Amino acid sequence: MEPEFWLQRWREGRTGFHRDAVMPLLEKHWPRLGAADGAPVFVPLAGKTLDMHWLAARGHGVLGCELSPLAVEAFFAEAGLAPEQERDADGLHHRAGRIDLVEGDVFALADATLARMQAVYDRAALIALPTALRRRYASQVYGRLPRGCRGLLITLEYPQEQMQGPPFSVAETEVRGLFAADWEMELLERRDILAQEPRFVADGVTALATAVYRLRRR
């Protein structure tokens, strides 16, 4: 899956993964992470998620990373914000208040940038990637987050043969295979959401659940 795939999705407005409200599972489970007050939070493959505003409103510095310039522009425009811009090795930073949204490739972020993150919120990144890229993502992105970093990871589970992703199904066995060697993991919740997702039903999916994990880097 090449970057052009996602850039094209944004150009064509095929962004069904975007939510027009804050993710309820973030609101419910974030306090259970125990992230320090003001801890910087990394939001990979951020799109224009309102979850970044929610995290910033709770005092966190937010570092988002998003490939599409259209998504970055829409995120700030829809909030009525005019960010300051600065380019460095990470990409083009757009900063407003506590939010720093980098327009660039998540795999290209500098080691020092990721080393500063004390928490990570992953709602739509892992499940956006096919199997081989998930392994690379866990190794090269999560693998550079510091010891003690805390994470909230939200995945989807469905019969993969019933629908071509993204979003992809990522079972608990795979999540543990990707992260258990370096991260403490706890499944906080698994919820049947098929009735709330008519587009999955329309695609022939017969079972759909979301799973929420709490992570802590050893």
Protein backbone atom coordinates (compact mmCIF):
# COMPACT_ATOMS: atom_id res chain seq x y z
CA MET A 1 0.00 0.00 0.00
CA GLU A 2 1.70 3.15 -1.23
CA PRO A 3 1.27 6.70 0.17
CA GLU A 4 -0.57 7.65 -3.02
CA PHE A 5 -3.44 5.36 -1.96
CA TRP A 6 -4.22 7.57 1.04
CA LEU A 7 -3.57 10.83 -0.77
CA GLN A 8 -6.09 9.73 -3.41
CA ARG A 9 -8.66 8.81 -0.76
CA TRP A 10 -8.49 12.33 0.65
CA ARG A 11 -8.62 13.92 -2.81
CA GLU A 12 -11.74 11.92 -3.64
CA GLY A 13 -13.36 12.49 -0.25
CA ARG A 14 -13.45 8.76 0.51
CA THR A 15 -12.85 9.25 4.21
CA GLY A 16 -15.44 7.06 5.86
CA PHE A 17 -12.89 6.37 8.61
CA HIS A 18 -13.22 9.99 9.81
CA ARG A 19 -15.57 10.55 12.76
CA ASP A 20 -17.48 13.81 13.21
CA ALA A 21 -17.32 13.46 16.98
CA VAL A 22 -14.76 12.52 19.61
CA MET A 23 -14.31 8.77 19.92
CA PRO A 24 -16.34 7.57 22.94
CA LEU A 25 -13.80 4.83 23.65
CA LEU A 26 -11.12 7.50 24.01
CA GLU A 27 -13.24 9.44 26.51
CA LYS A 28 -14.02 6.26 28.45
CA HIS A 29 -10.59 4.66 28.63
CA TRP A 30 -7.99 7.44 28.42
CA PRO A 31 -8.08 8.13 32.18
CA ARG A 32 -7.14 4.48 32.79
CA LEU A 33 -3.76 4.95 31.09
CA GLY A 34 -2.36 7.00 33.93
CA ALA A 35 -0.62 9.37 31.56
CA ALA A 36 1.00 12.26 33.43
CA ASP A 37 -0.63 15.67 33.36
CA GLY A 38 0.62 17.51 30.29
CA ALA A 39 2.34 14.42 28.89
CA PRO A 40 3.02 14.75 25.15
CA VAL A 41 0.81 12.40 23.15
CA PHE A 42 1.63 10.97 19.73
CA VAL A 43 -1.30 10.48 17.30
CA PRO A 44 -0.11 8.57 14.21
CA LEU A 45 -1.97 8.69 10.87
CA ALA A 46 -4.08 11.39 12.49
CA GLY A 47 -6.23 12.56 9.57
CA LYS A 48 -8.36 15.41 10.88
CA THR A 49 -9.59 13.61 13.97
CA LEU A 50 -11.32 15.67 16.64
CA ASP A 51 -9.67 13.41 19.18
CA MET A 52 -6.59 15.65 18.98
CA HIS A 53 -8.65 18.62 20.21
CA TRP A 54 -10.00 16.47 23.06
CA LEU A 55 -6.50 15.49 24.17
CA ALA A 56 -5.23 19.07 23.92
CA ALA A 57 -8.18 20.35 25.95
CA ARG A 58 -7.04 18.05 28.76
CA GLY A 59 -3.65 19.69 28.87
CA HIS A 60 -1.65 17.34 26.69
CA GLY A 61 0.74 18.48 24.03
CA VAL A 62 -0.34 16.61 20.91
CA LEU A 63 1.97 15.55 18.10
CA GLY A 64 -0.04 14.26 15.16
CA CYS A 65 1.39 12.91 11.94
CA GLU A 66 -0.60 12.91 8.69
CA LEU A 67 0.46 12.32 5.11
CA SER A 68 -2.33 14.25 3.36
CA PRO A 69 -2.03 18.05 3.14
CA LEU A 70 -5.80 18.17 2.53
CA ALA A 71 -6.46 16.48 5.87
CA VAL A 72 -4.07 18.80 7.68
CA GLU A 73 -5.61 21.90 6.11
CA ALA A 74 -9.14 20.71 6.91
CA PHE A 75 -8.27 19.94 10.53
CA PHE A 76 -7.25 23.50 11.29
CA ALA A 77 -9.77 25.22 9.00
CA GLU A 78 -12.72 23.39 10.55
CA ALA A 79 -11.53 24.50 13.99
CA GLY A 80 -11.07 28.11 12.86
CA LEU A 81 -7.34 27.97 13.57
CA ALA A 82 -4.46 29.49 11.61
CA PRO A 83 -1.40 27.40 12.49
CA GLU A 84 2.18 28.53 12.31
CA GLN A 85 4.30 26.47 9.93
CA GLU A 86 7.88 25.27 10.15
CA ARG A 87 9.69 22.60 8.16
CA ASP A 88 12.33 20.31 9.60
CA ALA A 89 13.53 16.72 9.16
CA ASP A 90 10.13 15.37 10.31
CA GLY A 91 8.17 17.22 7.63
CA LEU A 92 6.05 20.37 7.65
CA HIS A 93 4.90 21.22 11.17
CA HIS A 94 1.56 23.03 11.62
CA ARG A 95 1.30 24.37 15.17
CA ALA A 96 -1.65 25.94 16.96
CA GLY A 97 -2.01 25.94 20.72
CA ARG A 98 -1.00 22.57 22.14
CA ILE A 99 -1.32 20.79 18.79
CA ASP A 100 1.58 20.16 16.41
CA LEU A 101 0.39 18.32 13.30
CA VAL A 102 3.24 17.15 11.09
CA GLU A 103 2.48 16.81 7.40
CA GLY A 104 4.73 13.93 6.51
CA ASP A 105 5.49 10.21 6.57
CA VAL A 106 5.13 8.55 9.98
CA PHE A 107 8.07 6.25 9.20
CA ALA A 108 10.31 9.26 8.56
CA LEU A 109 9.86 10.93 11.96
CA ALA A 110 13.17 11.52 13.73
CA ASP A 111 14.26 9.29 16.60
CA ALA A 112 14.44 12.33 18.88
CA THR A 113 10.86 13.31 18.02
CA LEU A 114 9.43 9.94 19.00
CA ALA A 115 11.68 9.69 22.05
CA ARG A 116 9.91 12.73 23.56
CA MET A 117 6.48 11.11 23.45
CA GLN A 118 5.14 9.89 26.79
CA ALA A 119 1.89 8.49 25.40
CA VAL A 120 0.44 7.27 22.10
CA TYR A 121 -3.17 7.18 20.92
CA ASP A 122 -3.79 4.84 17.99
CA ARG A 123 -7.38 4.64 16.78
CA ALA A 124 -7.06 4.31 13.02
CA ALA A 125 -3.37 3.75 12.28
CA LEU A 126 -2.65 0.06 12.91
CA ILE A 127 -5.91 -1.03 11.28
CA ALA A 128 -5.19 1.16 8.24
CA LEU A 129 -2.14 -0.93 7.31
CA PRO A 130 -1.89 -4.35 5.62
CA THR A 131 -0.07 -7.17 7.38
CA ALA A 132 3.50 -6.47 6.25
CA LEU A 133 3.21 -2.76 6.96
CA ARG A 134 1.73 -3.47 10.41
CA ARG A 135 4.88 -5.39 11.30
CA ARG A 136 7.07 -2.57 10.01
CA TYR A 137 4.95 0.02 11.84
CA ALA A 138 5.16 -1.82 15.16
CA SER A 139 8.91 -2.23 14.80
CA GLN A 140 9.94 1.11 13.36
CA VAL A 141 7.42 3.49 14.93
CA TYR A 142 6.33 1.94 18.24
CA GLY A 143 9.83 0.52 18.54
CA ARG A 144 11.27 4.04 18.85
CA LEU A 145 8.89 5.22 21.57
CA PRO A 146 10.58 5.50 24.97
CA ARG A 147 10.50 3.20 27.96
CA GLY A 148 7.49 4.00 30.15
CA CYS A 149 5.42 5.33 27.23
CA ARG A 150 1.72 4.55 27.67
CA GLY A 151 -0.67 3.79 24.86
CA LEU A 152 -4.33 3.39 24.00
CA LEU A 153 -4.79 1.17 20.94
CA ILE A 154 -8.18 0.61 19.29
CA THR A 155 -8.61 -2.12 16.68
CA LEU A 156 -11.33 -3.80 14.63
CA GLU A 157 -12.03 -7.53 14.37
CA TYR A 158 -14.09 -9.09 11.58
CA PRO A 159 -13.78 -12.00 9.13
CA GLN A 160 -11.12 -10.55 6.83
CA GLU A 161 -12.22 -12.70 3.91
CA GLN A 162 -15.58 -10.92 3.92
CA MET A 163 -14.20 -7.47 3.12
CA GLN A 164 -11.12 -5.98 1.55
CA GLY A 165 -9.53 -3.46 3.88
CA PRO A 166 -8.69 -0.86 4.90
CA PRO A 167 -9.69 -0.80 7.63
CA PHE A 168 -8.22 -4.24 8.26
CA SER A 169 -9.13 -6.78 10.88
CA VAL A 170 -6.42 -7.15 13.52
CA ALA A 171 -7.07 -10.00 15.95
CA GLU A 172 -5.86 -10.04 19.53
CA THR A 173 -3.36 -12.78 18.70
CA GLU A 174 -1.72 -10.50 16.13
CA VAL A 175 -1.73 -7.49 18.46
CA ARG A 176 0.07 -9.55 21.09
CA GLY A 177 2.48 -10.88 18.51
CA LEU A 178 3.35 -7.34 17.44
CA PHE A 179 3.71 -5.75 20.86
CA ALA A 180 3.95 -8.21 23.76
CA ALA A 181 7.75 -8.55 23.60
CA ASP A 182 8.29 -4.86 24.42
CA TRP A 183 4.99 -3.66 25.84
CA GLU A 184 2.83 -4.61 28.79
CA MET A 185 -0.65 -5.16 27.37
CA GLU A 186 -4.17 -5.35 28.74
CA LEU A 187 -7.40 -5.81 26.81
CA LEU A 188 -9.76 -3.24 28.34
CA GLU A 189 -12.87 -3.87 26.28
CA ARG A 190 -14.22 -5.78 23.31
CA ARG A 191 -17.56 -4.56 21.95
CA ASP A 192 -19.87 -5.82 19.19
CA ILE A 193 -20.48 -2.84 16.89
CA LEU A 194 -21.92 -4.43 13.75
CA ALA A 195 -25.36 -2.87 14.29
CA GLN A 196 -23.76 0.60 14.39
CA GLU A 197 -21.77 0.14 11.15
CA PRO A 198 -24.17 -0.23 8.20
CA ARG A 199 -21.39 0.17 5.62
CA PHE A 200 -19.77 -3.02 6.89
CA VAL A 201 -23.12 -4.81 6.72
CA ALA A 202 -23.57 -3.53 3.16
CA ASP A 203 -20.18 -5.05 2.28
CA GLY A 204 -21.31 -8.44 3.55
CA VAL A 205 -19.56 -8.46 6.93
CA THR A 206 -21.38 -10.74 9.38
CA ALA A 207 -19.47 -9.97 12.58
CA LEU A 208 -17.67 -6.83 13.73
CA ALA A 209 -16.13 -5.91 17.05
CA THR A 210 -13.86 -3.18 18.32
CA ALA A 211 -11.16 -3.93 20.88
CA VAL A 212 -9.36 -1.50 23.18
CA TYR A 213 -5.90 -2.18 24.61
CA ARG A 214 -3.86 -0.42 27.26
CA LEU A 215 -0.12 -0.49 26.58
CA ARG A 216 2.98 0.43 28.55
CA ARG A 217 6.50 0.26 27.13
CA ARG A 218 8.88 -1.83 29.24
